[in-house]
Amino acid sequence: MTLPSDNLSMQGRQALEQLQQISDQTILVKFVAPYCPSCETLAPVLEQLVTDYAGALQLVTIDMTEEPELAIMLAIRSAPTVVLFKGSTVIETIAGLKPKKVYREIVQKAIG
């Protein structure tokens, strides 16, 4: 799999699993649900982070209704929830909509 050069959001569990296998970049996973206004509000915030940290961060969007097993496995209970991975290791989980600085701080901490 080729990583998107423009760091556009990838979608689905398969994209996450492929990135976990082939990429050494930090992976920001946004769990969303249909009809979730907070999910729509969060999207540009995370896209800006991916742009700001180009080459070090990948964004994957996963619809919880399409991947309920993964959501259960990661104890995701609400949308939006952001999970930061390094490989297959969970670094941080943030449930609900938070200020942009909260997301920036966890990304900075993960990337170093």
PDB file of N, CA and C in Angstrom:
ATOM      1  N   MET A   1       0.840  -1.182   0.000  1.00  0.00           N
ATOM      2  CA  MET A   1       0.000   0.000   0.000  1.00  0.00           C
ATOM      3  C   MET A   1       0.879   1.237   0.000  1.00  0.00           C
ATOM      4  N   THR A   2       0.511   2.207  -0.798  1.00  0.00           N
ATOM      5  CA  THR A   2       1.225   3.462  -0.852  1.00  0.00           C
ATOM      6  C   THR A   2       0.558   4.456   0.075  1.00  0.00           C
ATOM      7  N   LEU A   3       1.357   5.118   0.874  1.00  0.00           N
ATOM      8  CA  LEU A   3       0.810   6.137   1.767  1.00  0.00           C
ATOM      9  C   LEU A   3       0.430   7.349   0.944  1.00  0.00           C
ATOM     10  N   PRO A   4      -0.676   7.988   1.251  1.00  0.00           N
ATOM     11  CA  PRO A   4      -1.074   9.173   0.493  1.00  0.00           C
ATOM     12  C   PRO A   4      -0.066  10.288   0.719  1.00  0.00           C
ATOM     13  N   SER A   5       0.450  10.842  -0.373  1.00  0.00           N
ATOM     14  CA  SER A   5       1.481  11.868  -0.255  1.00  0.00           C
ATOM     15  C   SER A   5       0.917  13.171   0.291  1.00  0.00           C
ATOM     16  N   ASP A   6      -0.376  13.377   0.099  1.00  0.00           N
ATOM     17  CA  ASP A   6      -0.969  14.612   0.590  1.00  0.00           C
ATOM     18  C   ASP A   6      -1.602  14.440   1.970  1.00  0.00           C
ATOM     19  N   ASN A   7      -1.415  13.265   2.575  1.00  0.00           N
ATOM     20  CA  ASN A   7      -1.906  12.984   3.925  1.00  0.00           C
ATOM     21  C   ASN A   7      -3.409  13.142   4.080  1.00  0.00           C
ATOM     22  N   LEU A   8      -4.160  12.937   3.005  1.00  0.00           N
ATOM     23  CA  LEU A   8      -5.608  12.966   3.130  1.00  0.00           C
ATOM     24  C   LEU A   8      -6.035  11.814   4.015  1.00  0.00           C
ATOM     25  N   SER A   9      -7.151  11.997   4.656  1.00  0.00           N
ATOM     26  CA  SER A   9      -7.672  10.977   5.558  1.00  0.00           C
ATOM     27  C   SER A   9      -7.965   9.691   4.813  1.00  0.00           C
ATOM     28  N   MET A  10      -7.501   8.605   5.380  1.00  0.00           N
ATOM     29  CA  MET A  10      -7.832   7.285   4.870  1.00  0.00           C
ATOM     30  C   MET A  10      -9.027   6.800   5.675  1.00  0.00           C
ATOM     31  N   GLN A  11      -9.728   5.793   5.161  1.00  0.00           N
ATOM     32  CA  GLN A  11     -10.929   5.366   5.859  1.00  0.00           C
ATOM     33  C   GLN A  11     -10.959   3.863   6.065  1.00  0.00           C
ATOM     34  N   GLY A  12     -11.486   3.459   7.224  1.00  0.00           N
ATOM     35  CA  GLY A  12     -11.785   2.068   7.501  1.00  0.00           C
ATOM     36  C   GLY A  12     -10.708   1.310   8.246  1.00  0.00           C
ATOM     37  N   ARG A  13     -11.147   0.166   8.756  1.00  0.00           N
ATOM     38  CA  ARG A  13     -10.277  -0.699   9.544  1.00  0.00           C
ATOM     39  C   ARG A  13      -9.105  -1.235   8.714  1.00  0.00           C
ATOM     40  N   GLN A  14      -9.371  -1.565   7.468  1.00  0.00           N
ATOM     41  CA  GLN A  14      -8.308  -2.099   6.618  1.00  0.00           C
ATOM     42  C   GLN A  14      -7.185  -1.083   6.441  1.00  0.00           C
ATOM     43  N   ALA A  15      -7.530   0.179   6.248  1.00  0.00           N
ATOM     44  CA  ALA A  15      -6.512   1.225   6.118  1.00  0.00           C
ATOM     45  C   ALA A  15      -5.685   1.328   7.394  1.00  0.00           C
ATOM     46  N   LEU A  16      -6.360   1.271   8.549  1.00  0.00           N
ATOM     47  CA  LEU A  16      -5.648   1.326   9.826  1.00  0.00           C
ATOM     48  C   LEU A  16      -4.688   0.152   9.959  1.00  0.00           C
ATOM     49  N   GLU A  17      -5.162  -1.038   9.694  1.00  0.00           N
ATOM     50  CA  GLU A  17      -4.321  -2.229   9.844  1.00  0.00           C
ATOM     51  C   GLU A  17      -3.134  -2.202   8.883  1.00  0.00           C
ATOM     52  N   GLN A  18      -3.345  -1.714   7.675  1.00  0.00           N
ATOM     53  CA  GLN A  18      -2.234  -1.619   6.725  1.00  0.00           C
ATOM     54  C   GLN A  18      -1.206  -0.598   7.192  1.00  0.00           C
ATOM     55  N   LEU A  19      -1.668   0.556   7.656  1.00  0.00           N
ATOM     56  CA  LEU A  19      -0.731   1.563   8.171  1.00  0.00           C
ATOM     57  C   LEU A  19       0.054   1.030   9.362  1.00  0.00           C
ATOM     58  N   GLN A  20      -0.619   0.300  10.246  1.00  0.00           N
ATOM     59  CA  GLN A  20       0.058  -0.250  11.415  1.00  0.00           C
ATOM     60  C   GLN A  20       1.172  -1.198  11.007  1.00  0.00           C
ATOM     61  N   GLN A  21       1.021  -1.876   9.888  1.00  0.00           N
ATOM     62  CA  GLN A  21       2.024  -2.828   9.434  1.00  0.00           C
ATOM     63  C   GLN A  21       3.182  -2.177   8.687  1.00  0.00           C
ATOM     64  N   ILE A  22       2.886  -1.127   7.898  1.00  0.00           N
ATOM     65  CA  ILE A  22       3.927  -0.621   7.000  1.00  0.00           C
ATOM     66  C   ILE A  22       4.478   0.756   7.343  1.00  0.00           C
ATOM     67  N   SER A  23       3.833   1.471   8.239  1.00  0.00           N
ATOM     68  CA  SER A  23       4.246   2.848   8.482  1.00  0.00           C
ATOM     69  C   SER A  23       4.836   3.014   9.874  1.00  0.00           C
ATOM     70  N   ASP A  24       5.865   3.853   9.962  1.00  0.00           N
ATOM     71  CA  ASP A  24       6.411   4.182  11.271  1.00  0.00           C
ATOM     72  C   ASP A  24       5.844   5.520  11.768  1.00  0.00           C
ATOM     73  N   GLN A  25       4.911   6.081  11.012  1.00  0.00           N
ATOM     74  CA  GLN A  25       4.278   7.333  11.406  1.00  0.00           C
ATOM     75  C   GLN A  25       3.268   7.095  12.531  1.00  0.00           C
ATOM     76  N   THR A  26       3.022   8.130  13.289  1.00  0.00           N
ATOM     77  CA  THR A  26       1.959   8.101  14.283  1.00  0.00           C
ATOM     78  C   THR A  26       0.634   8.123  13.536  1.00  0.00           C
ATOM     79  N   ILE A  27      -0.337   7.355  14.026  1.00  0.00           N
ATOM     80  CA  ILE A  27      -1.628   7.252  13.351  1.00  0.00           C
ATOM     81  C   ILE A  27      -2.703   7.835  14.264  1.00  0.00           C
ATOM     82  N   LEU A  28      -3.429   8.801  13.753  1.00  0.00           N
ATOM     83  CA  LEU A  28      -4.526   9.439  14.462  1.00  0.00           C
ATOM     84  C   LEU A  28      -5.814   8.854  13.901  1.00  0.00           C
ATOM     85  N   VAL A  29      -6.557   8.137  14.724  1.00  0.00           N
ATOM     86  CA  VAL A  29      -7.789   7.491  14.277  1.00  0.00           C
ATOM     87  C   VAL A  29      -8.981   8.228  14.863  1.00  0.00           C
ATOM     88  N   LYS A  30      -9.845   8.672  13.978  1.00  0.00           N
ATOM     89  CA  LYS A  30     -11.055   9.385  14.387  1.00  0.00           C
ATOM     90  C   LYS A  30     -12.232   8.432  14.227  1.00  0.00           C
ATOM     91  N   PHE A  31     -12.849   8.063  15.355  1.00  0.00           N
ATOM     92  CA  PHE A  31     -14.041   7.230  15.328  1.00  0.00           C
ATOM     93  C   PHE A  31     -15.253   8.155  15.269  1.00  0.00           C
ATOM     94  N   VAL A  32     -16.087   7.944  14.255  1.00  0.00           N
ATOM     95  CA  VAL A  32     -17.251   8.795  14.024  1.00  0.00           C
ATOM     96  C   VAL A  32     -18.510   7.942  13.921  1.00  0.00           C
ATOM     97  N   ALA A  33     -19.644   8.626  13.857  1.00  0.00           N
ATOM     98  CA  ALA A  33     -20.928   7.967  13.654  1.00  0.00           C
ATOM     99  C   ALA A  33     -21.771   8.861  12.746  1.00  0.00           C
ATOM    100  N   PRO A  34     -22.712   8.261  12.031  1.00  0.00           N
ATOM    101  CA  PRO A  34     -23.599   9.084  11.199  1.00  0.00           C
ATOM    102  C   PRO A  34     -24.373  10.076  12.077  1.00  0.00           C
ATOM    103  N   TYR A  35     -24.699  11.211  11.505  1.00  0.00           N
ATOM    104  CA  TYR A  35     -25.489  12.234  12.196  1.00  0.00           C
ATOM    105  C   TYR A  35     -24.828  12.694  13.491  1.00  0.00           C
ATOM    106  N   CYS A  36     -23.517  12.895  13.417  1.00  0.00           N
ATOM    107  CA  CYS A  36     -22.750  13.336  14.584  1.00  0.00           C
ATOM    108  C   CYS A  36     -22.194  14.735  14.289  1.00  0.00           C
ATOM    109  N   PRO A  37     -22.880  15.784  14.734  1.00  0.00           N
ATOM    110  CA  PRO A  37     -22.400  17.144  14.464  1.00  0.00           C
ATOM    111  C   PRO A  37     -21.004  17.416  15.039  1.00  0.00           C
ATOM    112  N   SER A  38     -20.713  16.852  16.202  1.00  0.00           N
ATOM    113  CA  SER A  38     -19.378  17.048  16.798  1.00  0.00           C
ATOM    114  C   SER A  38     -18.288  16.417  15.935  1.00  0.00           C
ATOM    115  N   CYS A  39     -18.618  15.306  15.280  1.00  0.00           N
ATOM    116  CA  CYS A  39     -17.655  14.648  14.390  1.00  0.00           C
ATOM    117  C   CYS A  39     -17.309  15.572  13.221  1.00  0.00           C
ATOM    118  N   GLU A  40     -18.329  16.249  12.701  1.00  0.00           N
ATOM    119  CA  GLU A  40     -18.113  17.176  11.594  1.00  0.00           C
ATOM    120  C   GLU A  40     -17.314  18.391  12.045  1.00  0.00           C
ATOM    121  N   THR A  41     -17.539  18.839  13.260  1.00  0.00           N
ATOM    122  CA  THR A  41     -16.789  19.968  13.807  1.00  0.00           C
ATOM    123  C   THR A  41     -15.327  19.605  14.000  1.00  0.00           C
ATOM    124  N   LEU A  42     -15.065  18.378  14.411  1.00  0.00           N
ATOM    125  CA  LEU A  42     -13.702  17.928  14.686  1.00  0.00           C
ATOM    126  C   LEU A  42     -12.881  17.702  13.421  1.00  0.00           C
ATOM    127  N   ALA A  43     -13.521  17.342  12.330  1.00  0.00           N
ATOM    128  CA  ALA A  43     -12.804  16.974  11.099  1.00  0.00           C
ATOM    129  C   ALA A  43     -11.756  18.000  10.668  1.00  0.00           C
ATOM    130  N   PRO A  44     -12.088  19.288  10.510  1.00  0.00           N
ATOM    131  CA  PRO A  44     -11.060  20.236  10.062  1.00  0.00           C
ATOM    132  C   PRO A  44      -9.931  20.437  11.072  1.00  0.00           C
ATOM    133  N   VAL A  45     -10.219  20.258  12.346  1.00  0.00           N
ATOM    134  CA  VAL A  45      -9.185  20.384  13.384  1.00  0.00           C
ATOM    135  C   VAL A  45      -8.125  19.301  13.179  1.00  0.00           C
ATOM    136  N   LEU A  46      -8.580  18.060  12.994  1.00  0.00           N
ATOM    137  CA  LEU A  46      -7.639  16.958  12.813  1.00  0.00           C
ATOM    138  C   LEU A  46      -6.935  17.042  11.467  1.00  0.00           C
ATOM    139  N   GLU A  47      -7.652  17.473  10.436  1.00  0.00           N
ATOM    140  CA  GLU A  47      -7.022  17.628   9.120  1.00  0.00           C
ATOM    141  C   GLU A  47      -5.912  18.670   9.172  1.00  0.00           C
ATOM    142  N   GLN A  48      -6.116  19.741   9.939  1.00  0.00           N
ATOM    143  CA  GLN A  48      -5.080  20.757  10.082  1.00  0.00           C
ATOM    144  C   GLN A  48      -3.858  20.193  10.806  1.00  0.00           C
ATOM    145  N   LEU A  49      -4.079  19.359  11.825  1.00  0.00           N
ATOM    146  CA  LEU A  49      -2.954  18.724  12.522  1.00  0.00           C
ATOM    147  C   LEU A  49      -2.146  17.854  11.573  1.00  0.00           C
ATOM    148  N   VAL A  50      -2.845  17.099  10.733  1.00  0.00           N
ATOM    149  CA  VAL A  50      -2.153  16.227   9.782  1.00  0.00           C
ATOM    150  C   VAL A  50      -1.329  17.074   8.808  1.00  0.00           C
ATOM    151  N   THR A  51      -1.863  18.208   8.403  1.00  0.00           N
ATOM    152  CA  THR A  51      -1.127  19.118   7.523  1.00  0.00           C
ATOM    153  C   THR A  51       0.087  19.697   8.256  1.00  0.00           C
ATOM    154  N   ASP A  52      -0.117  20.115   9.496  1.00  0.00           N
ATOM    155  CA  ASP A  52       0.971  20.708  10.286  1.00  0.00           C
ATOM    156  C   ASP A  52       2.091  19.711  10.565  1.00  0.00           C
ATOM    157  N   TYR A  53       1.745  18.442  10.687  1.00  0.00           N
ATOM    158  CA  TYR A  53       2.734  17.407  10.998  1.00  0.00           C
ATOM    159  C   TYR A  53       2.914  16.453   9.815  1.00  0.00           C
ATOM    160  N   ALA A  54       2.878  17.007   8.621  1.00  0.00           N
ATOM    161  CA  ALA A  54       3.018  16.209   7.399  1.00  0.00           C
ATOM    162  C   ALA A  54       4.297  15.379   7.458  1.00  0.00           C
ATOM    163  N   GLY A  55       4.149  14.109   7.099  1.00  0.00           N
ATOM    164  CA  GLY A  55       5.283  13.205   7.113  1.00  0.00           C
ATOM    165  C   GLY A  55       5.471  12.476   8.432  1.00  0.00           C
ATOM    166  N   ALA A  56       4.766  12.925   9.465  1.00  0.00           N
ATOM    167  CA  ALA A  56       4.904  12.289  10.779  1.00  0.00           C
ATOM    168  C   ALA A  56       3.581  11.754  11.309  1.00  0.00           C
ATOM    169  N   LEU A  57       2.479  12.089  10.637  1.00  0.00           N
ATOM    170  CA  LEU A  57       1.156  11.770  11.162  1.00  0.00           C
ATOM    171  C   LEU A  57       0.223  11.361  10.028  1.00  0.00           C
ATOM    172  N   GLN A  58      -0.527  10.304  10.250  1.00  0.00           N
ATOM    173  CA  GLN A  58      -1.553   9.853   9.312  1.00  0.00           C
ATOM    174  C   GLN A  58      -2.901   9.902  10.001  1.00  0.00           C
ATOM    175  N   LEU A  59      -3.945  10.210   9.245  1.00  0.00           N
ATOM    176  CA  LEU A  59      -5.303  10.264   9.772  1.00  0.00           C
ATOM    177  C   LEU A  59      -6.139   9.173   9.139  1.00  0.00           C
ATOM    178  N   VAL A  60      -6.819   8.395   9.983  1.00  0.00           N
ATOM    179  CA  VAL A  60      -7.745   7.363   9.522  1.00  0.00           C
ATOM    180  C   VAL A  60      -9.087   7.638  10.179  1.00  0.00           C
ATOM    181  N   THR A  61     -10.139   7.641   9.379  1.00  0.00           N
ATOM    182  CA  THR A  61     -11.491   7.827   9.897  1.00  0.00           C
ATOM    183  C   THR A  61     -12.213   6.490   9.866  1.00  0.00           C
ATOM    184  N   ILE A  62     -12.818   6.140  10.981  1.00  0.00           N
ATOM    185  CA  ILE A  62     -13.549   4.870  11.073  1.00  0.00           C
ATOM    186  C   ILE A  62     -14.957   5.146  11.580  1.00  0.00           C
ATOM    187  N   ASP A  63     -15.939   4.685  10.818  1.00  0.00           N
ATOM    188  CA  ASP A  63     -17.340   4.796  11.209  1.00  0.00           C
ATOM    189  C   ASP A  63     -17.642   3.669  12.191  1.00  0.00           C
ATOM    190  N   MET A  64     -18.017   4.039  13.413  1.00  0.00           N
ATOM    191  CA  MET A  64     -18.270   3.041  14.459  1.00  0.00           C
ATOM    192  C   MET A  64     -19.399   2.086  14.086  1.00  0.00           C
ATOM    193  N   THR A  65     -20.349   2.544  13.293  1.00  0.00           N
ATOM    194  CA  THR A  65     -21.462   1.679  12.918  1.00  0.00           C
ATOM    195  C   THR A  65     -21.045   0.641  11.890  1.00  0.00           C
ATOM    196  N   GLU A  66     -19.967   0.924  11.158  1.00  0.00           N
ATOM    197  CA  GLU A  66     -19.460  -0.029  10.167  1.00  0.00           C
ATOM    198  C   GLU A  66     -18.419  -0.975  10.764  1.00  0.00           C
ATOM    199  N   GLU A  67     -17.802  -0.584  11.851  1.00  0.00           N
ATOM    200  CA  GLU A  67     -16.755  -1.379  12.497  1.00  0.00           C
ATOM    201  C   GLU A  67     -17.019  -1.514  13.991  1.00  0.00           C
ATOM    202  N   PRO A  68     -18.183  -2.063  14.377  1.00  0.00           N
ATOM    203  CA  PRO A  68     -18.499  -2.126  15.811  1.00  0.00           C
ATOM    204  C   PRO A  68     -17.538  -3.002  16.611  1.00  0.00           C
ATOM    205  N   GLU A  69     -16.986  -4.048  15.992  1.00  0.00           N
ATOM    206  CA  GLU A  69     -16.062  -4.926  16.727  1.00  0.00           C
ATOM    207  C   GLU A  69     -14.805  -4.172  17.144  1.00  0.00           C
ATOM    208  N   LEU A  70     -14.296  -3.346  16.236  1.00  0.00           N
ATOM    209  CA  LEU A  70     -13.097  -2.565  16.543  1.00  0.00           C
ATOM    210  C   LEU A  70     -13.400  -1.544  17.640  1.00  0.00           C
ATOM    211  N   ALA A  71     -14.546  -0.901  17.541  1.00  0.00           N
ATOM    212  CA  ALA A  71     -14.934   0.070  18.571  1.00  0.00           C
ATOM    213  C   ALA A  71     -15.038  -0.607  19.934  1.00  0.00           C
ATOM    214  N   ILE A  72     -15.625  -1.781  19.970  1.00  0.00           N
ATOM    215  CA  ILE A  72     -15.752  -2.522  21.234  1.00  0.00           C
ATOM    216  C   ILE A  72     -14.375  -2.927  21.760  1.00  0.00           C
ATOM    217  N   MET A  73     -13.524  -3.426  20.875  1.00  0.00           N
ATOM    218  CA  MET A  73     -12.187  -3.868  21.268  1.00  0.00           C
ATOM    219  C   MET A  73     -11.382  -2.722  21.897  1.00  0.00           C
ATOM    220  N   LEU A  74     -11.592  -1.501  21.381  1.00  0.00           N
ATOM    221  CA  LEU A  74     -10.858  -0.331  21.882  1.00  0.00           C
ATOM    222  C   LEU A  74     -11.649   0.437  22.947  1.00  0.00           C
ATOM    223  N   ALA A  75     -12.781  -0.114  23.369  1.00  0.00           N
ATOM    224  CA  ALA A  75     -13.630   0.493  24.403  1.00  0.00           C
ATOM    225  C   ALA A  75     -14.113   1.885  24.016  1.00  0.00           C
ATOM    226  N   ILE A  76     -14.427   2.060  22.731  1.00  0.00           N
ATOM    227  CA  ILE A  76     -14.977   3.317  22.247  1.00  0.00           C
ATOM    228  C   ILE A  76     -16.467   3.314  22.546  1.00  0.00           C
ATOM    229  N   ARG A  77     -16.926   4.322  23.286  1.00  0.00           N
ATOM    230  CA  ARG A  77     -18.324   4.364  23.685  1.00  0.00           C
ATOM    231  C   ARG A  77     -19.102   5.518  23.078  1.00  0.00           C
ATOM    232  N   SER A  78     -18.405   6.508  22.547  1.00  0.00           N
ATOM    233  CA  SER A  78     -19.102   7.669  21.997  1.00  0.00           C
ATOM    234  C   SER A  78     -18.327   8.233  20.812  1.00  0.00           C
ATOM    235  N   ALA A  79     -19.051   9.010  20.019  1.00  0.00           N
ATOM    236  CA  ALA A  79     -18.430   9.677  18.877  1.00  0.00           C
ATOM    237  C   ALA A  79     -18.554  11.184  19.077  1.00  0.00           C
ATOM    238  N   PRO A  80     -17.510  11.913  18.743  1.00  0.00           N
ATOM    239  CA  PRO A  80     -16.245  11.421  18.226  1.00  0.00           C
ATOM    240  C   PRO A  80     -15.319  10.945  19.350  1.00  0.00           C
ATOM    241  N   THR A  81     -14.490   9.988  19.000  1.00  0.00           N
ATOM    242  CA  THR A  81     -13.397   9.571  19.863  1.00  0.00           C
ATOM    243  C   THR A  81     -12.153   9.502  18.998  1.00  0.00           C
ATOM    244  N   VAL A  82     -11.069  10.044  19.503  1.00  0.00           N
ATOM    245  CA  VAL A  82      -9.792  10.030  18.791  1.00  0.00           C
ATOM    246  C   VAL A  82      -8.851   9.095  19.534  1.00  0.00           C
ATOM    247  N   VAL A  83      -8.228   8.175  18.778  1.00  0.00           N
ATOM    248  CA  VAL A  83      -7.252   7.256  19.347  1.00  0.00           C
ATOM    249  C   VAL A  83      -5.945   7.464  18.595  1.00  0.00           C
ATOM    250  N   LEU A  84      -4.879   7.669  19.334  1.00  0.00           N
ATOM    251  CA  LEU A  84      -3.560   7.863  18.747  1.00  0.00           C
ATOM    252  C   LEU A  84      -2.780   6.571  18.889  1.00  0.00           C
ATOM    253  N   PHE A  85      -2.258   6.085  17.761  1.00  0.00           N
ATOM    254  CA  PHE A  85      -1.488   4.839  17.734  1.00  0.00           C
ATOM    255  C   PHE A  85      -0.061   5.104  17.298  1.00  0.00           C
ATOM    256  N   LYS A  86       0.840   4.308  17.823  1.00  0.00           N
ATOM    257  CA  LYS A  86       2.190   4.166  17.268  1.00  0.00           C
ATOM    258  C   LYS A  86       2.282   2.685  16.951  1.00  0.00           C
ATOM    259  N   GLY A  87       2.242   2.338  15.676  1.00  0.00           N
ATOM    260  CA  GLY A  87       2.107   0.941  15.288  1.00  0.00           C
ATOM    261  C   GLY A  87       0.755   0.451  15.758  1.00  0.00           C
ATOM    262  N   SER A  88       0.737  -0.665  16.476  1.00  0.00           N
ATOM    263  CA  SER A  88      -0.533  -1.179  16.986  1.00  0.00           C
ATOM    264  C   SER A  88      -0.748  -0.831  18.466  1.00  0.00           C
ATOM    265  N   THR A  89       0.135  -0.006  19.004  1.00  0.00           N
ATOM    266  CA  THR A  89       0.045   0.389  20.406  1.00  0.00           C
ATOM    267  C   THR A  89      -0.764   1.673  20.558  1.00  0.00           C
ATOM    268  N   VAL A  90      -1.761   1.639  21.425  1.00  0.00           N
ATOM    269  CA  VAL A  90      -2.553   2.841  21.713  1.00  0.00           C
ATOM    270  C   VAL A  90      -1.734   3.742  22.630  1.00  0.00           C
ATOM    271  N   ILE A  91      -1.548   4.979  22.202  1.00  0.00           N
ATOM    272  CA  ILE A  91      -0.804   5.959  22.990  1.00  0.00           C
ATOM    273  C   ILE A  91      -1.745   6.797  23.844  1.00  0.00           C
ATOM    274  N   GLU A  92      -2.866   7.165  23.249  1.00  0.00           N
ATOM    275  CA  GLU A  92      -3.803   8.077  23.924  1.00  0.00           C
ATOM    276  C   GLU A  92      -5.192   7.907  23.332  1.00  0.00           C
ATOM    277  N   THR A  93      -6.211   8.112  24.152  1.00  0.00           N
ATOM    278  CA  THR A  93      -7.600   8.094  23.707  1.00  0.00           C
ATOM    279  C   THR A  93      -8.300   9.330  24.260  1.00  0.00           C
ATOM    280  N   ILE A  94      -9.009  10.040  23.384  1.00  0.00           N
ATOM    281  CA  ILE A  94      -9.752  11.222  23.797  1.00  0.00           C
ATOM    282  C   ILE A  94     -11.187  11.069  23.319  1.00  0.00           C
ATOM    283  N   ALA A  95     -12.111  10.993  24.270  1.00  0.00           N
ATOM    284  CA  ALA A  95     -13.528  10.873  23.930  1.00  0.00           C
ATOM    285  C   ALA A  95     -14.186  12.244  23.956  1.00  0.00           C
ATOM    286  N   GLY A  96     -15.054  12.476  22.995  1.00  0.00           N
ATOM    287  CA  GLY A  96     -15.789  13.734  22.939  1.00  0.00           C
ATOM    288  C   GLY A  96     -15.007  14.817  22.228  1.00  0.00           C
ATOM    289  N   LEU A  97     -15.661  15.926  22.012  1.00  0.00           N
ATOM    290  CA  LEU A  97     -15.060  17.069  21.341  1.00  0.00           C
ATOM    291  C   LEU A  97     -14.308  17.915  22.362  1.00  0.00           C
ATOM    292  N   LYS A  98     -13.025  18.140  22.100  1.00  0.00           N
ATOM    293  CA  LYS A  98     -12.163  18.914  23.002  1.00  0.00           C
ATOM    294  C   LYS A  98     -11.584  20.110  22.246  1.00  0.00           C
ATOM    295  N   PRO A  99     -10.992  21.075  22.952  1.00  0.00           N
ATOM    296  CA  PRO A  99     -10.324  22.188  22.273  1.00  0.00           C
ATOM    297  C   PRO A  99      -9.156  21.689  21.408  1.00  0.00           C
ATOM    298  N   LYS A 100      -8.884  22.420  20.356  1.00  0.00           N
ATOM    299  CA  LYS A 100      -7.827  22.045  19.413  1.00  0.00           C
ATOM    300  C   LYS A 100      -6.487  21.800  20.121  1.00  0.00           C
ATOM    301  N   LYS A 101      -6.185  22.597  21.137  1.00  0.00           N
ATOM    302  CA  LYS A 101      -4.891  22.471  21.813  1.00  0.00           C
ATOM    303  C   LYS A 101      -4.717  21.091  22.453  1.00  0.00           C
ATOM    304  N   VAL A 102      -5.805  20.457  22.885  1.00  0.00           N
ATOM    305  CA  VAL A 102      -5.718  19.128  23.498  1.00  0.00           C
ATOM    306  C   VAL A 102      -5.203  18.120  22.464  1.00  0.00           C
ATOM    307  N   TYR A 103      -5.734  18.176  21.258  1.00  0.00           N
ATOM    308  CA  TYR A 103      -5.298  17.259  20.205  1.00  0.00           C
ATOM    309  C   TYR A 103      -3.858  17.552  19.792  1.00  0.00           C
ATOM    310  N   ARG A 104      -3.528  18.841  19.694  1.00  0.00           N
ATOM    311  CA  ARG A 104      -2.158  19.224  19.321  1.00  0.00           C
ATOM    312  C   ARG A 104      -1.151  18.726  20.362  1.00  0.00           C
ATOM    313  N   GLU A 105      -1.501  18.835  21.637  1.00  0.00           N
ATOM    314  CA  GLU A 105      -0.592  18.396  22.703  1.00  0.00           C
ATOM    315  C   GLU A 105      -0.340  16.893  22.660  1.00  0.00           C
ATOM    316  N   ILE A 106      -1.384  16.095  22.409  1.00  0.00           N
ATOM    317  CA  ILE A 106      -1.139  14.637  22.373  1.00  0.00           C
ATOM    318  C   ILE A 106      -0.331  14.248  21.154  1.00  0.00           C
ATOM    319  N   VAL A 107      -0.538  14.955  20.057  1.00  0.00           N
ATOM    320  CA  VAL A 107       0.256  14.670  18.853  1.00  0.00           C
ATOM    321  C   VAL A 107       1.714  15.050  19.084  1.00  0.00           C
ATOM    322  N   GLN A 108       1.959  16.225  19.638  1.00  0.00           N
ATOM    323  CA  GLN A 108       3.333  16.649  19.912  1.00  0.00           C
ATOM    324  C   GLN A 108       4.035  15.673  20.845  1.00  0.00           C
ATOM    325  N   LYS A 109       3.323  15.229  21.863  1.00  0.00           N
ATOM    326  CA  LYS A 109       3.885  14.278  22.825  1.00  0.00           C
ATOM    327  C   LYS A 109       4.232  12.942  22.140  1.00  0.00           C
ATOM    328  N   ALA A 110       3.367  12.508  21.258  1.00  0.00           N
ATOM    329  CA  ALA A 110       3.575  11.220  20.569  1.00  0.00           C
ATOM    330  C   ALA A 110       4.715  11.294  19.561  1.00  0.00           C
ATOM    331  N   ILE A 111       4.791  12.402  18.860  1.00  0.00           N
ATOM    332  CA  ILE A 111       5.820  12.541  17.821  1.00  0.00           C
ATOM    333  C   ILE A 111       7.169  12.862  18.431  1.00  0.00           C
ATOM    334  N   GLY A 112       7.136  13.581  19.551  1.00  0.00           N
ATOM    335  CA  GLY A 112       8.378  13.898  20.245  1.00  0.00           C
ATOM    336  C   GLY A 112       8.891  15.194  19.817  1.00  0.00           C
TER     337      GLY A 112
END
